[in-house]
Amino acid sequence: MAARQMDPDAFFQVLKTRRVCRSFTGEPVSDEHLTRIIEAARWASSAGNRHIHKFLVVRNPDTIRNIRSVAPGMLSEPPAAVVILTDAEAARRESIQLELDTANHGDVGTAAMNMLNMAHALGLGACPVTSFSHSGVAVMLGLPPHLEPEWIIMLGHPAPVERNLNAGAPKPLTARDLTWWDAVGQHEP
């Protein structure tokens, strides 16, 4: 089955303009938007098409505040968050040894990236959080032992923030800066 053609420039614009958002208005995120974001995560690539991840949507302000108390990476309290969970029972059913499996990290990352891009396409702000106490978040959410929190995606309507780059900010990298062709150090095709 051939891939459907879409406007690559419009798609690339979504990728280029997405930024991490750490400041949100108090406006709630609609169920429709949250559902679209979870659907985007579901369509992320998954090693062996083995969907061992679950997504827990959190909207209760008290729960978010409690999570934040054990998550130094949450610099603000968003109106919503999605916790990406690894389901050890699902992994066991798929004969996956999580302690030896490196693909799990990639699967979590691709799900997170799809959510971040969809949030941006919907006009929302989003921020991935990886700095948190996994056991603390598990307790705050009342998770059963087979569910492990991997990442938290903060979601909300972005608050206006003035962006100023300081004079010593690093120069933006180009794709050429990061790419070698056929041999290390060869920057041209």
N, C-alpha and C. Protein backbone atom coordinates (compact mmCIF):
# COMPACT_ATOMS: atom_id res chain seq x y z
N MET A 1 0.85 -1.17 0.00
CA MET A 1 0.00 0.00 0.00
C MET A 1 0.90 1.24 0.00
N ALA A 2 0.69 2.11 -0.95
CA ALA A 2 1.49 3.32 -1.06
C ALA A 2 1.08 4.34 0.00
N ALA A 3 2.06 5.08 0.48
CA ALA A 3 1.78 6.13 1.45
C ALA A 3 1.01 7.25 0.76
N ARG A 4 0.07 7.82 1.48
CA ARG A 4 -0.68 8.96 0.93
C ARG A 4 0.21 10.18 0.93
N GLN A 5 0.14 10.93 -0.15
CA GLN A 5 0.91 12.17 -0.25
C GLN A 5 0.22 13.26 0.55
N MET A 6 0.99 13.98 1.32
CA MET A 6 0.48 15.15 2.02
C MET A 6 1.41 16.30 1.70
N ASP A 7 1.03 17.46 2.10
CA ASP A 7 1.87 18.62 1.84
C ASP A 7 3.09 18.55 2.75
N PRO A 8 4.26 18.18 2.20
CA PRO A 8 5.44 18.04 3.05
C PRO A 8 5.87 19.36 3.69
N ASP A 9 5.61 20.48 3.01
CA ASP A 9 5.99 21.77 3.58
C ASP A 9 5.15 22.10 4.81
N ALA A 10 3.85 21.80 4.73
CA ALA A 10 2.97 22.05 5.89
C ALA A 10 3.37 21.14 7.05
N PHE A 11 3.67 19.88 6.74
CA PHE A 11 4.09 18.96 7.79
C PHE A 11 5.41 19.42 8.42
N PHE A 12 6.36 19.80 7.57
CA PHE A 12 7.66 20.26 8.07
C PHE A 12 7.50 21.53 8.91
N GLN A 13 6.55 22.37 8.55
CA GLN A 13 6.29 23.59 9.32
C GLN A 13 5.85 23.25 10.75
N VAL A 14 5.02 22.22 10.89
CA VAL A 14 4.62 21.77 12.24
C VAL A 14 5.86 21.34 13.02
N LEU A 15 6.73 20.57 12.38
CA LEU A 15 7.95 20.11 13.07
C LEU A 15 8.87 21.27 13.44
N LYS A 16 9.05 22.21 12.50
CA LYS A 16 9.99 23.32 12.73
C LYS A 16 9.50 24.32 13.77
N THR A 17 8.20 24.48 13.90
CA THR A 17 7.68 25.53 14.79
C THR A 17 7.30 25.00 16.18
N ARG A 18 7.33 23.68 16.36
CA ARG A 18 7.00 23.14 17.69
C ARG A 18 8.08 23.54 18.68
N ARG A 19 7.66 24.00 19.82
CA ARG A 19 8.59 24.36 20.90
C ARG A 19 8.08 23.75 22.18
N VAL A 20 8.97 23.55 23.12
CA VAL A 20 8.57 23.11 24.44
C VAL A 20 7.88 24.27 25.13
N CYS A 21 6.74 24.00 25.71
CA CYS A 21 5.96 25.03 26.41
C CYS A 21 5.91 24.67 27.88
N ARG A 22 6.35 25.57 28.73
CA ARG A 22 6.36 25.31 30.17
C ARG A 22 5.42 26.24 30.94
N SER A 23 4.73 27.13 30.24
CA SER A 23 3.81 28.06 30.88
C SER A 23 2.45 27.95 30.20
N PHE A 24 1.42 27.72 30.99
CA PHE A 24 0.10 27.47 30.45
C PHE A 24 -0.93 28.41 31.07
N THR A 25 -1.98 28.69 30.30
CA THR A 25 -3.11 29.41 30.86
C THR A 25 -3.91 28.40 31.69
N GLY A 26 -4.90 28.84 32.39
CA GLY A 26 -5.73 27.94 33.17
C GLY A 26 -6.84 27.27 32.37
N GLU A 27 -6.93 27.60 31.08
CA GLU A 27 -8.01 27.04 30.25
C GLU A 27 -7.85 25.53 30.12
N PRO A 28 -8.94 24.79 30.36
CA PRO A 28 -8.84 23.33 30.26
C PRO A 28 -8.58 22.88 28.82
N VAL A 29 -8.01 21.69 28.71
CA VAL A 29 -7.80 21.05 27.41
C VAL A 29 -9.02 20.18 27.15
N SER A 30 -9.62 20.31 25.98
CA SER A 30 -10.85 19.58 25.68
C SER A 30 -10.60 18.07 25.58
N ASP A 31 -11.65 17.32 25.86
CA ASP A 31 -11.57 15.86 25.71
C ASP A 31 -11.24 15.50 24.27
N GLU A 32 -11.79 16.25 23.32
CA GLU A 32 -11.52 16.00 21.91
C GLU A 32 -10.03 16.13 21.60
N HIS A 33 -9.40 17.19 22.10
CA HIS A 33 -7.97 17.38 21.86
C HIS A 33 -7.15 16.29 22.55
N LEU A 34 -7.52 15.95 23.78
CA LEU A 34 -6.79 14.90 24.49
C LEU A 34 -6.91 13.57 23.75
N THR A 35 -8.09 13.29 23.22
CA THR A 35 -8.29 12.05 22.47
C THR A 35 -7.43 12.04 21.21
N ARG A 36 -7.36 13.16 20.50
CA ARG A 36 -6.53 13.23 19.29
C ARG A 36 -5.06 13.02 19.62
N ILE A 37 -4.63 13.57 20.75
CA ILE A 37 -3.23 13.43 21.17
C ILE A 37 -2.92 11.96 21.49
N ILE A 38 -3.83 11.29 22.17
CA ILE A 38 -3.64 9.87 22.49
C ILE A 38 -3.68 9.03 21.20
N GLU A 39 -4.56 9.38 20.28
CA GLU A 39 -4.60 8.67 18.99
C GLU A 39 -3.27 8.82 18.26
N ALA A 40 -2.67 10.00 18.31
CA ALA A 40 -1.36 10.20 17.69
C ALA A 40 -0.32 9.30 18.33
N ALA A 41 -0.37 9.16 19.66
CA ALA A 41 0.57 8.27 20.36
C ALA A 41 0.36 6.83 19.94
N ARG A 42 -0.88 6.43 19.79
CA ARG A 42 -1.19 5.06 19.39
C ARG A 42 -0.60 4.73 18.03
N TRP A 43 -0.50 5.72 17.13
CA TRP A 43 0.01 5.49 15.79
C TRP A 43 1.53 5.64 15.69
N ALA A 44 2.20 5.84 16.81
CA ALA A 44 3.66 5.91 16.80
C ALA A 44 4.23 4.54 16.44
N SER A 45 5.42 4.54 15.89
CA SER A 45 6.06 3.26 15.59
C SER A 45 6.30 2.50 16.89
N SER A 46 6.23 1.19 16.78
CA SER A 46 6.40 0.34 17.95
C SER A 46 7.18 -0.89 17.52
N ALA A 47 8.29 -1.16 18.18
CA ALA A 47 9.14 -2.30 17.82
C ALA A 47 8.29 -3.57 17.77
N GLY A 48 8.29 -4.22 16.65
CA GLY A 48 7.54 -5.46 16.50
C GLY A 48 6.04 -5.27 16.59
N ASN A 49 5.56 -4.04 16.48
CA ASN A 49 4.13 -3.73 16.59
C ASN A 49 3.55 -4.29 17.88
N ARG A 50 4.30 -4.20 18.93
CA ARG A 50 3.93 -4.77 20.22
C ARG A 50 3.47 -3.66 21.15
N HIS A 51 2.34 -3.30 21.18
CA HIS A 51 1.85 -2.13 21.93
C HIS A 51 1.77 -2.46 23.42
N ILE A 52 2.88 -2.22 24.12
CA ILE A 52 2.95 -2.53 25.56
C ILE A 52 2.80 -1.27 26.41
N HIS A 53 2.37 -0.18 25.77
CA HIS A 53 2.25 1.07 26.51
C HIS A 53 0.80 1.45 26.71
N LYS A 54 0.55 2.08 27.82
CA LYS A 54 -0.75 2.65 28.13
C LYS A 54 -0.54 4.15 28.35
N PHE A 55 -1.63 4.89 28.26
CA PHE A 55 -1.56 6.35 28.41
C PHE A 55 -2.61 6.76 29.44
N LEU A 56 -2.15 7.37 30.51
CA LEU A 56 -3.05 7.81 31.58
C LEU A 56 -3.20 9.32 31.50
N VAL A 57 -4.41 9.78 31.18
CA VAL A 57 -4.70 11.20 31.11
C VAL A 57 -5.04 11.69 32.52
N VAL A 58 -4.36 12.75 32.94
CA VAL A 58 -4.56 13.30 34.28
C VAL A 58 -5.01 14.74 34.13
N ARG A 59 -6.19 15.06 34.72
CA ARG A 59 -6.71 16.43 34.63
C ARG A 59 -7.01 17.02 36.00
N ASN A 60 -7.06 16.20 37.01
CA ASN A 60 -7.38 16.68 38.35
C ASN A 60 -6.24 17.57 38.86
N PRO A 61 -6.52 18.84 39.17
CA PRO A 61 -5.46 19.76 39.61
C PRO A 61 -4.73 19.29 40.86
N ASP A 62 -5.44 18.65 41.79
CA ASP A 62 -4.78 18.15 43.00
C ASP A 62 -3.80 17.03 42.66
N THR A 63 -4.20 16.15 41.76
CA THR A 63 -3.31 15.05 41.35
C THR A 63 -2.09 15.61 40.64
N ILE A 64 -2.31 16.57 39.74
CA ILE A 64 -1.18 17.19 39.04
C ILE A 64 -0.24 17.87 40.03
N ARG A 65 -0.79 18.56 41.01
CA ARG A 65 0.03 19.22 42.04
C ARG A 65 0.84 18.18 42.82
N ASN A 66 0.22 17.05 43.15
CA ASN A 66 0.92 15.98 43.87
C ASN A 66 2.04 15.38 43.03
N ILE A 67 1.76 15.15 41.75
CA ILE A 67 2.80 14.63 40.85
C ILE A 67 3.96 15.60 40.80
N ARG A 68 3.63 16.87 40.69
CA ARG A 68 4.68 17.89 40.60
C ARG A 68 5.59 17.90 41.83
N SER A 69 5.06 17.50 42.97
CA SER A 69 5.87 17.49 44.20
C SER A 69 6.99 16.45 44.13
N VAL A 70 6.88 15.47 43.23
CA VAL A 70 7.94 14.46 43.08
C VAL A 70 8.54 14.50 41.66
N ALA A 71 8.28 15.60 40.95
CA ALA A 71 8.75 15.74 39.57
C ALA A 71 9.44 17.08 39.39
N PRO A 72 10.74 17.16 39.69
CA PRO A 72 11.44 18.44 39.51
C PRO A 72 11.43 18.94 38.07
N GLY A 73 11.19 18.05 37.11
CA GLY A 73 11.12 18.47 35.71
C GLY A 73 9.82 19.17 35.35
N MET A 74 8.82 19.11 36.23
CA MET A 74 7.56 19.83 35.98
C MET A 74 7.71 21.23 36.57
N LEU A 75 8.01 22.18 35.72
CA LEU A 75 8.28 23.54 36.19
C LEU A 75 7.02 24.35 36.40
N SER A 76 5.87 23.81 36.01
CA SER A 76 4.59 24.48 36.22
C SER A 76 3.51 23.41 36.36
N GLU A 77 2.30 23.86 36.66
CA GLU A 77 1.17 22.94 36.78
C GLU A 77 0.27 23.11 35.57
N PRO A 78 0.34 22.18 34.63
CA PRO A 78 -0.48 22.26 33.44
C PRO A 78 -1.92 21.87 33.75
N PRO A 79 -2.86 22.25 32.89
CA PRO A 79 -4.24 21.81 33.10
C PRO A 79 -4.44 20.32 32.81
N ALA A 80 -3.52 19.71 32.06
CA ALA A 80 -3.62 18.28 31.77
C ALA A 80 -2.23 17.70 31.60
N ALA A 81 -2.15 16.41 31.81
CA ALA A 81 -0.90 15.68 31.58
C ALA A 81 -1.26 14.28 31.10
N VAL A 82 -0.37 13.71 30.30
CA VAL A 82 -0.50 12.32 29.91
C VAL A 82 0.75 11.61 30.43
N VAL A 83 0.52 10.56 31.20
CA VAL A 83 1.63 9.75 31.70
C VAL A 83 1.74 8.53 30.79
N ILE A 84 2.91 8.36 30.18
CA ILE A 84 3.16 7.18 29.35
C ILE A 84 3.63 6.07 30.28
N LEU A 85 2.92 4.95 30.24
CA LEU A 85 3.18 3.83 31.13
C LEU A 85 3.64 2.61 30.33
N THR A 86 4.59 1.87 30.87
CA THR A 86 4.92 0.56 30.32
C THR A 86 4.17 -0.48 31.12
N ASP A 87 3.47 -1.34 30.42
CA ASP A 87 2.67 -2.39 31.03
C ASP A 87 3.50 -3.68 31.04
N ALA A 88 4.04 -4.03 32.21
CA ALA A 88 4.90 -5.21 32.33
C ALA A 88 4.13 -6.50 32.05
N GLU A 89 2.83 -6.54 32.34
CA GLU A 89 2.04 -7.73 32.03
C GLU A 89 1.91 -7.91 30.51
N ALA A 90 1.68 -6.81 29.80
CA ALA A 90 1.61 -6.88 28.34
C ALA A 90 2.97 -7.29 27.77
N ALA A 91 4.05 -6.77 28.35
CA ALA A 91 5.40 -7.15 27.91
C ALA A 91 5.63 -8.64 28.13
N ARG A 92 5.22 -9.15 29.27
CA ARG A 92 5.39 -10.57 29.58
C ARG A 92 4.61 -11.43 28.57
N ARG A 93 3.39 -11.01 28.24
CA ARG A 93 2.59 -11.75 27.24
C ARG A 93 3.28 -11.77 25.88
N GLU A 94 4.05 -10.73 25.58
CA GLU A 94 4.77 -10.64 24.30
C GLU A 94 6.18 -11.24 24.40
N SER A 95 6.50 -11.87 25.54
CA SER A 95 7.83 -12.46 25.79
C SER A 95 8.94 -11.42 25.72
N ILE A 96 8.66 -10.21 26.19
CA ILE A 96 9.64 -9.13 26.21
C ILE A 96 10.27 -9.07 27.59
N GLN A 97 11.57 -9.10 27.63
CA GLN A 97 12.30 -8.95 28.88
C GLN A 97 12.68 -7.47 29.01
N LEU A 98 11.87 -6.72 29.73
CA LEU A 98 12.06 -5.26 29.80
C LEU A 98 13.44 -4.86 30.27
N GLU A 99 14.02 -5.62 31.19
CA GLU A 99 15.34 -5.25 31.71
C GLU A 99 16.43 -5.38 30.66
N LEU A 100 16.17 -6.14 29.58
CA LEU A 100 17.16 -6.32 28.51
C LEU A 100 16.76 -5.61 27.22
N ASP A 101 15.57 -5.06 27.17
CA ASP A 101 15.00 -4.53 25.94
C ASP A 101 15.29 -3.04 25.80
N THR A 102 16.04 -2.68 24.77
CA THR A 102 16.32 -1.25 24.55
C THR A 102 15.26 -0.60 23.66
N ALA A 103 14.48 -1.40 22.95
CA ALA A 103 13.46 -0.84 22.05
C ALA A 103 12.36 -0.12 22.83
N ASN A 104 12.13 -0.51 24.09
CA ASN A 104 11.08 0.13 24.88
C ASN A 104 11.31 1.63 24.98
N HIS A 105 12.54 2.05 25.17
CA HIS A 105 12.85 3.48 25.28
C HIS A 105 12.51 4.21 23.98
N GLY A 106 12.83 3.58 22.85
CA GLY A 106 12.50 4.18 21.56
C GLY A 106 10.99 4.29 21.36
N ASP A 107 10.27 3.24 21.77
CA ASP A 107 8.81 3.26 21.62
C ASP A 107 8.18 4.36 22.46
N VAL A 108 8.68 4.56 23.67
CA VAL A 108 8.18 5.64 24.52
C VAL A 108 8.49 6.99 23.87
N GLY A 109 9.68 7.12 23.33
CA GLY A 109 10.07 8.38 22.68
C GLY A 109 9.25 8.70 21.45
N THR A 110 8.96 7.69 20.62
CA THR A 110 8.17 7.96 19.42
C THR A 110 6.73 8.31 19.79
N ALA A 111 6.19 7.66 20.81
CA ALA A 111 4.83 8.01 21.27
C ALA A 111 4.81 9.45 21.79
N ALA A 112 5.83 9.80 22.57
CA ALA A 112 5.90 11.16 23.11
C ALA A 112 6.02 12.19 21.99
N MET A 113 6.87 11.91 21.01
CA MET A 113 7.05 12.87 19.91
C MET A 113 5.77 13.05 19.13
N ASN A 114 5.05 11.96 18.88
CA ASN A 114 3.77 12.10 18.18
C ASN A 114 2.80 12.96 18.99
N MET A 115 2.79 12.78 20.30
CA MET A 115 1.90 13.59 21.14
C MET A 115 2.30 15.06 21.10
N LEU A 116 3.59 15.34 21.19
CA LEU A 116 4.07 16.73 21.16
C LEU A 116 3.71 17.40 19.84
N ASN A 117 3.90 16.69 18.74
CA ASN A 117 3.58 17.26 17.42
C ASN A 117 2.08 17.45 17.24
N MET A 118 1.27 16.49 17.69
CA MET A 118 -0.18 16.65 17.57
C MET A 118 -0.66 17.81 18.43
N ALA A 119 -0.14 17.91 19.65
CA ALA A 119 -0.53 19.03 20.51
C ALA A 119 -0.25 20.35 19.81
N HIS A 120 0.92 20.48 19.20
CA HIS A 120 1.28 21.71 18.49
C HIS A 120 0.34 21.94 17.31
N ALA A 121 0.05 20.88 16.56
CA ALA A 121 -0.85 21.02 15.41
C ALA A 121 -2.24 21.48 15.84
N LEU A 122 -2.63 21.14 17.07
CA LEU A 122 -3.93 21.55 17.61
C LEU A 122 -3.90 22.92 18.27
N GLY A 123 -2.72 23.57 18.28
CA GLY A 123 -2.60 24.89 18.89
C GLY A 123 -2.34 24.85 20.38
N LEU A 124 -1.97 23.69 20.90
CA LEU A 124 -1.67 23.55 22.33
C LEU A 124 -0.17 23.61 22.57
N GLY A 125 0.19 23.85 23.80
CA GLY A 125 1.58 23.76 24.22
C GLY A 125 1.79 22.43 24.92
N ALA A 126 3.02 21.92 24.86
CA ALA A 126 3.33 20.64 25.48
C ALA A 126 4.79 20.62 25.91
N CYS A 127 5.07 19.81 26.92
CA CYS A 127 6.43 19.69 27.42
C CYS A 127 6.63 18.27 27.94
N PRO A 128 7.67 17.57 27.45
CA PRO A 128 7.97 16.25 27.99
C PRO A 128 8.68 16.39 29.34
N VAL A 129 8.36 15.51 30.26
CA VAL A 129 9.01 15.50 31.57
C VAL A 129 9.59 14.11 31.79
N THR A 130 10.90 14.07 32.00
CA THR A 130 11.57 12.80 32.28
C THR A 130 12.23 12.80 33.66
N SER A 131 12.29 13.96 34.27
CA SER A 131 12.90 14.08 35.59
C SER A 131 11.80 14.01 36.65
N PHE A 132 11.59 12.80 37.18
CA PHE A 132 10.59 12.61 38.23
C PHE A 132 10.87 11.30 38.94
N SER A 133 10.36 11.17 40.14
CA SER A 133 10.47 9.93 40.89
C SER A 133 9.43 8.96 40.34
N HIS A 134 9.91 7.90 39.72
CA HIS A 134 8.99 6.92 39.14
C HIS A 134 8.12 6.28 40.21
N SER A 135 8.74 5.93 41.32
CA SER A 135 7.96 5.31 42.40
C SER A 135 7.01 6.33 43.02
N GLY A 136 7.44 7.58 43.14
CA GLY A 136 6.57 8.62 43.70
C GLY A 136 5.36 8.88 42.83
N VAL A 137 5.57 8.95 41.51
CA VAL A 137 4.44 9.16 40.59
C VAL A 137 3.51 7.95 40.62
N ALA A 138 4.09 6.76 40.69
CA ALA A 138 3.26 5.54 40.77
C ALA A 138 2.36 5.59 42.00
N VAL A 139 2.90 6.05 43.12
CA VAL A 139 2.09 6.17 44.35
C VAL A 139 1.04 7.24 44.19
N MET A 140 1.42 8.41 43.66
CA MET A 140 0.47 9.52 43.49
C MET A 140 -0.70 9.13 42.59
N LEU A 141 -0.43 8.24 41.62
CA LEU A 141 -1.48 7.83 40.68
C LEU A 141 -2.17 6.53 41.08
N GLY A 142 -1.69 5.91 42.16
CA GLY A 142 -2.29 4.64 42.58
C GLY A 142 -2.11 3.54 41.55
N LEU A 143 -0.96 3.50 40.90
CA LEU A 143 -0.72 2.52 39.85
C LEU A 143 -0.50 1.13 40.42
N PRO A 144 -1.03 0.11 39.76
CA PRO A 144 -0.70 -1.26 40.16
C PRO A 144 0.77 -1.54 39.83
N PRO A 145 1.37 -2.54 40.46
CA PRO A 145 2.82 -2.79 40.28
C PRO A 145 3.26 -3.07 38.85
N HIS A 146 2.38 -3.53 37.98
CA HIS A 146 2.80 -3.87 36.62
C HIS A 146 2.85 -2.65 35.68
N LEU A 147 2.44 -1.47 36.15
CA LEU A 147 2.50 -0.27 35.32
C LEU A 147 3.60 0.66 35.81
N GLU A 148 4.54 0.95 34.91
CA GLU A 148 5.69 1.79 35.24
C GLU A 148 5.59 3.11 34.49
N PRO A 149 5.56 4.24 35.22
CA PRO A 149 5.55 5.54 34.52
C PRO A 149 6.90 5.79 33.87
N GLU A 150 6.86 6.15 32.58
CA GLU A 150 8.10 6.38 31.82
C GLU A 150 8.34 7.86 31.56
N TRP A 151 7.34 8.54 31.00
CA TRP A 151 7.42 9.96 30.70
C TRP A 151 6.10 10.60 31.09
N ILE A 152 6.16 11.90 31.33
CA ILE A 152 4.95 12.70 31.54
C ILE A 152 4.95 13.77 30.45
N ILE A 153 3.82 13.94 29.80
CA ILE A 153 3.67 15.01 28.81
C ILE A 153 2.72 16.04 29.39
N MET A 154 3.24 17.24 29.69
CA MET A 154 2.39 18.34 30.17
C MET A 154 1.69 18.95 28.97
N LEU A 155 0.40 19.27 29.13
CA LEU A 155 -0.39 19.82 28.03
C LEU A 155 -1.25 20.98 28.50
N GLY A 156 -1.40 21.96 27.65
CA GLY A 156 -2.28 23.08 27.96
C GLY A 156 -2.23 24.13 26.87
N HIS A 157 -3.02 25.16 27.08
CA HIS A 157 -2.99 26.31 26.17
C HIS A 157 -1.80 27.17 26.58
N PRO A 158 -0.92 27.49 25.64
CA PRO A 158 0.30 28.22 26.01
C PRO A 158 0.01 29.63 26.54
N ALA A 159 0.67 29.97 27.61
CA ALA A 159 0.61 31.34 28.13
C ALA A 159 1.60 32.17 27.32
N PRO A 160 1.25 33.41 27.03
CA PRO A 160 2.20 34.25 26.29
C PRO A 160 3.50 34.42 27.08
N VAL A 161 4.59 34.15 26.41
CA VAL A 161 5.92 34.27 27.03
C VAL A 161 6.82 34.98 26.03
N GLU A 162 7.50 36.00 26.51
CA GLU A 162 8.43 36.70 25.64
C GLU A 162 9.72 35.90 25.57
N ARG A 163 10.13 35.60 24.34
CA ARG A 163 11.36 34.83 24.14
C ARG A 163 12.49 35.77 23.80
N ASN A 164 13.53 35.73 24.59
CA ASN A 164 14.73 36.53 24.32
C ASN A 164 15.94 35.61 24.39
N LEU A 165 16.71 35.60 23.33
CA LEU A 165 17.95 34.85 23.35
C LEU A 165 19.07 35.77 23.84
N ASN A 166 19.84 35.26 24.78
CA ASN A 166 20.94 36.09 25.26
C ASN A 166 22.07 36.11 24.23
N ALA A 167 22.94 37.09 24.36
CA ALA A 167 24.01 37.29 23.38
C ALA A 167 24.92 36.08 23.28
N GLY A 168 25.07 35.31 24.34
CA GLY A 168 25.97 34.15 24.33
C GLY A 168 25.28 32.86 23.93
N ALA A 169 24.03 32.94 23.45
CA ALA A 169 23.31 31.72 23.09
C ALA A 169 24.02 31.01 21.94
N PRO A 170 24.03 29.69 21.96
CA PRO A 170 24.69 28.97 20.87
C PRO A 170 23.99 29.20 19.54
N LYS A 171 24.77 29.16 18.49
CA LYS A 171 24.24 29.31 17.14
C LYS A 171 23.38 28.09 16.82
N PRO A 172 22.21 28.28 16.20
CA PRO A 172 21.37 27.14 15.85
C PRO A 172 22.12 26.17 14.92
N LEU A 173 21.93 24.89 15.15
CA LEU A 173 22.54 23.88 14.30
C LEU A 173 21.70 23.68 13.05
N THR A 174 22.36 23.30 11.98
CA THR A 174 21.67 22.93 10.76
C THR A 174 21.70 21.41 10.62
N ALA A 175 20.89 20.88 9.74
CA ALA A 175 20.93 19.45 9.47
C ALA A 175 22.32 19.05 8.96
N ARG A 176 22.94 19.92 8.20
CA ARG A 176 24.29 19.65 7.69
C ARG A 176 25.29 19.48 8.83
N ASP A 177 25.15 20.30 9.88
CA ASP A 177 26.05 20.21 11.03
C ASP A 177 25.99 18.84 11.70
N LEU A 178 24.84 18.19 11.59
CA LEU A 178 24.61 16.93 12.30
C LEU A 178 24.74 15.70 11.42
N THR A 179 25.02 15.90 10.12
CA THR A 179 24.95 14.79 9.18
C THR A 179 26.28 14.55 8.48
N TRP A 180 26.61 13.27 8.37
CA TRP A 180 27.74 12.83 7.54
C TRP A 180 27.18 11.94 6.45
N TRP A 181 27.79 12.00 5.29
CA TRP A 181 27.37 11.19 4.14
C TRP A 181 28.46 10.19 3.80
N ASP A 182 28.17 8.95 3.95
CA ASP A 182 29.04 7.82 3.56
C ASP A 182 30.30 7.65 4.39
N ALA A 183 30.80 8.70 5.03
CA ALA A 183 31.99 8.58 5.87
C ALA A 183 31.95 9.67 6.95
N VAL A 184 32.47 9.34 8.11
CA VAL A 184 32.53 10.31 9.21
C VAL A 184 33.31 11.53 8.76
N GLY A 185 32.73 12.70 8.97
CA GLY A 185 33.37 13.95 8.60
C GLY A 185 32.97 14.47 7.22
N GLN A 186 32.30 13.66 6.41
CA GLN A 186 31.88 14.08 5.06
C GLN A 186 30.50 14.70 5.16
N HIS A 187 30.44 16.04 5.08
CA HIS A 187 29.19 16.76 5.25
C HIS A 187 28.39 16.97 3.98
N GLU A 188 28.89 16.57 2.84
CA GLU A 188 28.18 16.75 1.57
C GLU A 188 27.88 15.39 0.96
N PRO A 189 26.75 15.26 0.27
CA PRO A 189 26.41 13.98 -0.38
C PRO A 189 27.32 13.68 -1.57
